[in-house]
Amino acid sequence: MRVNDVLKGKQIQEIVTISPDATVAELVSLMARHNIGAVVVSADGTALDGIVSERDVVRRLNEESTVLDHTVSSIMTAEVRTCEGTENVTDLMQLMTDQRIRHVPVLTDGALTGVISIGDVVKSRIGELEFERDQLDKYVHTT
């Protein structure tokens, strides 16, 4: 299975982005409104400037209580791990496990085309396993 297959299976395919100049308070509001754990940081809504997650916010809040007034760019991860839509999901799972990351932006020819979360990957994998189980069960009971 390819990353693009997982993207197609997502119920919500909207890419939520935030400007690097937005405040962390605006970020928190955006995450709550969309019920998401990470947001792509993009000055123009298509280019990838960084990514910021709930973990980034919580870690900074622990260090400095006024972080909600800071800009998103001050807490974002600028060196973002990405993948291509044509990559194998197994490779993506390995990347997420090795790097301990939960959200990976998907690029096609350098343009942002989606974001895959660990939940998306797990859901997809469960679907594959259920299909295989059903096929094996069907085979066993028709022979």
C-alpha atoms as a PDB file:
ATOM      1  CA  MET A   1       0.000   0.000   0.000  1.00  0.00           C
ATOM      2  CA  ARG A   2       1.191   3.503  -0.840  1.00  0.00           C
ATOM      3  CA  VAL A   3       0.897   6.737   1.141  1.00  0.00           C
ATOM      4  CA  ASN A   4      -1.510   8.138  -1.490  1.00  0.00           C
ATOM      5  CA  ASP A   5      -3.848   5.198  -0.793  1.00  0.00           C
ATOM      6  CA  VAL A   6      -3.977   6.167   2.869  1.00  0.00           C
ATOM      7  CA  LEU A   7      -4.627   9.815   1.950  1.00  0.00           C
ATOM      8  CA  LYS A   8      -7.546   8.780  -0.266  1.00  0.00           C
ATOM      9  CA  GLY A   9      -9.038   6.781   2.606  1.00  0.00           C
ATOM     10  CA  LYS A  10      -9.033   9.703   5.050  1.00  0.00           C
ATOM     11  CA  GLN A  11     -12.487  11.025   5.857  1.00  0.00           C
ATOM     12  CA  ILE A  12     -11.217  14.593   6.103  1.00  0.00           C
ATOM     13  CA  GLN A  13      -8.666  15.486   3.475  1.00  0.00           C
ATOM     14  CA  GLU A  14      -8.378  19.189   4.263  1.00  0.00           C
ATOM     15  CA  ILE A  15      -4.838  20.391   4.919  1.00  0.00           C
ATOM     16  CA  VAL A  16      -4.919  22.750   7.889  1.00  0.00           C
ATOM     17  CA  THR A  17      -2.104  25.297   7.833  1.00  0.00           C
ATOM     18  CA  ILE A  18      -1.130  28.288   9.921  1.00  0.00           C
ATOM     19  CA  SER A  19       1.098  31.252   9.221  1.00  0.00           C
ATOM     20  CA  PRO A  20       4.465  31.360  10.996  1.00  0.00           C
ATOM     21  CA  ASP A  21       3.479  34.857  12.216  1.00  0.00           C
ATOM     22  CA  ALA A  22       0.287  33.652  13.947  1.00  0.00           C
ATOM     23  CA  THR A  23       0.355  33.471  17.724  1.00  0.00           C
ATOM     24  CA  VAL A  24       0.539  30.226  19.632  1.00  0.00           C
ATOM     25  CA  ALA A  25      -2.867  31.128  21.105  1.00  0.00           C
ATOM     26  CA  GLU A  26      -4.281  31.210  17.549  1.00  0.00           C
ATOM     27  CA  LEU A  27      -2.603  27.866  16.892  1.00  0.00           C
ATOM     28  CA  VAL A  28      -4.180  26.282  19.963  1.00  0.00           C
ATOM     29  CA  SER A  29      -7.594  27.596  18.902  1.00  0.00           C
ATOM     30  CA  LEU A  30      -7.122  26.219  15.379  1.00  0.00           C
ATOM     31  CA  MET A  31      -6.087  22.796  16.686  1.00  0.00           C
ATOM     32  CA  ALA A  32      -9.104  22.666  19.001  1.00  0.00           C
ATOM     33  CA  ARG A  33     -11.504  23.785  16.262  1.00  0.00           C
ATOM     34  CA  HIS A  34     -10.279  21.105  13.847  1.00  0.00           C
ATOM     35  CA  ASN A  35      -9.624  18.480  16.556  1.00  0.00           C
ATOM     36  CA  ILE A  36      -6.093  17.844  15.309  1.00  0.00           C
ATOM     37  CA  GLY A  37      -2.749  17.267  16.989  1.00  0.00           C
ATOM     38  CA  ALA A  38      -0.435  19.018  14.548  1.00  0.00           C
ATOM     39  CA  VAL A  39      -0.579  21.839  12.017  1.00  0.00           C
ATOM     40  CA  VAL A  40       1.593  22.518   8.991  1.00  0.00           C
ATOM     41  CA  VAL A  41       3.223  25.945   9.172  1.00  0.00           C
ATOM     42  CA  SER A  42       3.047  27.724   5.829  1.00  0.00           C
ATOM     43  CA  ALA A  43       3.333  31.385   4.918  1.00  0.00           C
ATOM     44  CA  ASP A  44       1.322  30.909   1.723  1.00  0.00           C
ATOM     45  CA  GLY A  45      -0.799  27.841   2.516  1.00  0.00           C
ATOM     46  CA  THR A  46       1.072  25.567   0.098  1.00  0.00           C
ATOM     47  CA  ALA A  47       4.792  25.738   0.900  1.00  0.00           C
ATOM     48  CA  LEU A  48       6.098  23.803   3.892  1.00  0.00           C
ATOM     49  CA  ASP A  49       7.827  26.112   6.381  1.00  0.00           C
ATOM     50  CA  GLY A  50       7.540  23.811   9.378  1.00  0.00           C
ATOM     51  CA  ILE A  51       5.191  21.791  11.546  1.00  0.00           C
ATOM     52  CA  VAL A  52       3.980  22.351  15.078  1.00  0.00           C
ATOM     53  CA  SER A  53       2.336  19.806  17.348  1.00  0.00           C
ATOM     54  CA  GLU A  54       0.590  19.653  20.692  1.00  0.00           C
ATOM     55  CA  ARG A  55       3.849  18.383  22.155  1.00  0.00           C
ATOM     56  CA  ASP A  56       5.662  21.508  20.971  1.00  0.00           C
ATOM     57  CA  VAL A  57       3.089  23.710  22.703  1.00  0.00           C
ATOM     58  CA  VAL A  58       3.104  21.738  25.949  1.00  0.00           C
ATOM     59  CA  ARG A  59       6.892  21.598  26.166  1.00  0.00           C
ATOM     60  CA  ARG A  60       7.160  25.347  25.662  1.00  0.00           C
ATOM     61  CA  LEU A  61       4.379  26.043  28.164  1.00  0.00           C
ATOM     62  CA  ASN A  62       6.386  24.085  30.704  1.00  0.00           C
ATOM     63  CA  GLU A  63       9.373  26.355  30.072  1.00  0.00           C
ATOM     64  CA  GLU A  64       7.570  29.664  29.705  1.00  0.00           C
ATOM     65  CA  SER A  65       3.988  30.483  30.645  1.00  0.00           C
ATOM     66  CA  THR A  66       3.749  33.425  28.222  1.00  0.00           C
ATOM     67  CA  VAL A  67       4.337  31.241  25.158  1.00  0.00           C
ATOM     68  CA  LEU A  68       0.740  31.779  23.986  1.00  0.00           C
ATOM     69  CA  ASP A  69       1.740  35.316  22.981  1.00  0.00           C
ATOM     70  CA  HIS A  70       4.732  34.125  20.930  1.00  0.00           C
ATOM     71  CA  THR A  71       4.674  33.406  17.210  1.00  0.00           C
ATOM     72  CA  VAL A  72       4.222  29.896  15.857  1.00  0.00           C
ATOM     73  CA  SER A  73       7.630  30.136  14.188  1.00  0.00           C
ATOM     74  CA  SER A  74       9.244  30.363  17.636  1.00  0.00           C
ATOM     75  CA  ILE A  75       8.071  26.862  18.597  1.00  0.00           C
ATOM     76  CA  MET A  76       7.690  25.035  15.268  1.00  0.00           C
ATOM     77  CA  THR A  77       9.935  22.291  13.989  1.00  0.00           C
ATOM     78  CA  ALA A  78      11.636  23.751  10.927  1.00  0.00           C
ATOM     79  CA  GLU A  79      13.415  20.582   9.776  1.00  0.00           C
ATOM     80  CA  VAL A  80      10.344  18.544   8.905  1.00  0.00           C
ATOM     81  CA  ARG A  81      10.399  14.870   7.992  1.00  0.00           C
ATOM     82  CA  THR A  82       8.239  14.422   4.892  1.00  0.00           C
ATOM     83  CA  CYS A  83       7.278  11.649   2.520  1.00  0.00           C
ATOM     84  CA  GLU A  84       6.119  11.319  -1.072  1.00  0.00           C
ATOM     85  CA  GLY A  85       2.676   9.978  -1.889  1.00  0.00           C
ATOM     86  CA  THR A  86       4.226   7.143  -3.885  1.00  0.00           C
ATOM     87  CA  GLU A  87       6.200   5.812  -0.905  1.00  0.00           C
ATOM     88  CA  ASN A  88       5.319   2.516   0.712  1.00  0.00           C
ATOM     89  CA  VAL A  89       3.333   2.799   3.953  1.00  0.00           C
ATOM     90  CA  THR A  90       5.691   0.284   5.589  1.00  0.00           C
ATOM     91  CA  ASP A  91       8.560   2.722   5.023  1.00  0.00           C
ATOM     92  CA  LEU A  92       6.449   5.530   6.479  1.00  0.00           C
ATOM     93  CA  MET A  93       5.685   3.432   9.571  1.00  0.00           C
ATOM     94  CA  GLN A  94       9.409   2.820  10.000  1.00  0.00           C
ATOM     95  CA  LEU A  95      10.148   6.552   9.697  1.00  0.00           C
ATOM     96  CA  MET A  96       7.467   7.407  12.266  1.00  0.00           C
ATOM     97  CA  THR A  97       8.762   4.762  14.662  1.00  0.00           C
ATOM     98  CA  ASP A  98      12.460   5.594  14.269  1.00  0.00           C
ATOM     99  CA  GLN A  99      11.974   9.369  14.517  1.00  0.00           C
ATOM    100  CA  ARG A 100       9.198   9.171  17.152  1.00  0.00           C
ATOM    101  CA  ILE A 101       6.909  11.428  15.130  1.00  0.00           C
ATOM    102  CA  ARG A 102       3.157  11.235  14.761  1.00  0.00           C
ATOM    103  CA  HIS A 103       2.492  13.503  11.776  1.00  0.00           C
ATOM    104  CA  VAL A 104       4.236  13.511   8.402  1.00  0.00           C
ATOM    105  CA  PRO A 105       3.460  16.007   5.629  1.00  0.00           C
ATOM    106  CA  VAL A 106       3.061  14.430   2.187  1.00  0.00           C
ATOM    107  CA  LEU A 107       4.683  16.193  -0.765  1.00  0.00           C
ATOM    108  CA  THR A 108       4.163  15.658  -4.472  1.00  0.00           C
ATOM    109  CA  ASP A 109       6.813  17.337  -6.618  1.00  0.00           C
ATOM    110  CA  GLY A 110       7.648  19.539  -3.640  1.00  0.00           C
ATOM    111  CA  ALA A 111       4.042  20.706  -3.093  1.00  0.00           C
ATOM    112  CA  LEU A 112       2.100  19.897   0.066  1.00  0.00           C
ATOM    113  CA  THR A 113      -0.670  17.393  -0.762  1.00  0.00           C
ATOM    114  CA  GLY A 114      -1.643  16.062   2.662  1.00  0.00           C
ATOM    115  CA  VAL A 115      -0.665  15.116   6.177  1.00  0.00           C
ATOM    116  CA  ILE A 116      -0.554  11.518   7.416  1.00  0.00           C
ATOM    117  CA  SER A 117      -0.936  10.842  11.115  1.00  0.00           C
ATOM    118  CA  ILE A 118      -0.007   7.688  12.978  1.00  0.00           C
ATOM    119  CA  GLY A 119      -3.752   7.177  13.477  1.00  0.00           C
ATOM    120  CA  ASP A 120      -4.280   7.219   9.701  1.00  0.00           C
ATOM    121  CA  VAL A 121      -1.556   4.608   9.275  1.00  0.00           C
ATOM    122  CA  VAL A 122      -2.934   2.364  12.028  1.00  0.00           C
ATOM    123  CA  LYS A 123      -6.484   2.603  10.645  1.00  0.00           C
ATOM    124  CA  SER A 124      -5.230   1.696   7.186  1.00  0.00           C
ATOM    125  CA  ARG A 125      -3.215  -1.240   8.503  1.00  0.00           C
ATOM    126  CA  ILE A 126      -6.184  -2.560  10.486  1.00  0.00           C
ATOM    127  CA  GLY A 127      -8.275  -2.371   7.326  1.00  0.00           C
ATOM    128  CA  GLU A 128      -5.670  -4.403   5.430  1.00  0.00           C
ATOM    129  CA  LEU A 129      -5.522  -7.029   8.168  1.00  0.00           C
ATOM    130  CA  GLU A 130      -9.316  -7.316   8.322  1.00  0.00           C
ATOM    131  CA  PHE A 131      -9.450  -7.783   4.548  1.00  0.00           C
ATOM    132  CA  GLU A 132      -6.782 -10.500   4.688  1.00  0.00           C
ATOM    133  CA  ARG A 133      -8.601 -12.217   7.557  1.00  0.00           C
ATOM    134  CA  ASP A 134     -11.892 -12.149   5.639  1.00  0.00           C
ATOM    135  CA  GLN A 135     -10.223 -13.570   2.546  1.00  0.00           C
ATOM    136  CA  LEU A 136      -8.612 -16.381   4.535  1.00  0.00           C
ATOM    137  CA  ASP A 137     -11.870 -17.115   6.318  1.00  0.00           C
ATOM    138  CA  LYS A 138     -13.708 -17.220   2.997  1.00  0.00           C
ATOM    139  CA  TYR A 139     -11.064 -19.527   1.533  1.00  0.00           C
ATOM    140  CA  VAL A 140     -11.186 -21.910   4.526  1.00  0.00           C
ATOM    141  CA  HIS A 141     -14.977 -22.116   4.522  1.00  0.00           C
ATOM    142  CA  THR A 142     -15.362 -22.667   0.761  1.00  0.00           C
ATOM    143  CA  THR A 143     -12.906 -25.541   0.535  1.00  0.00           C
END
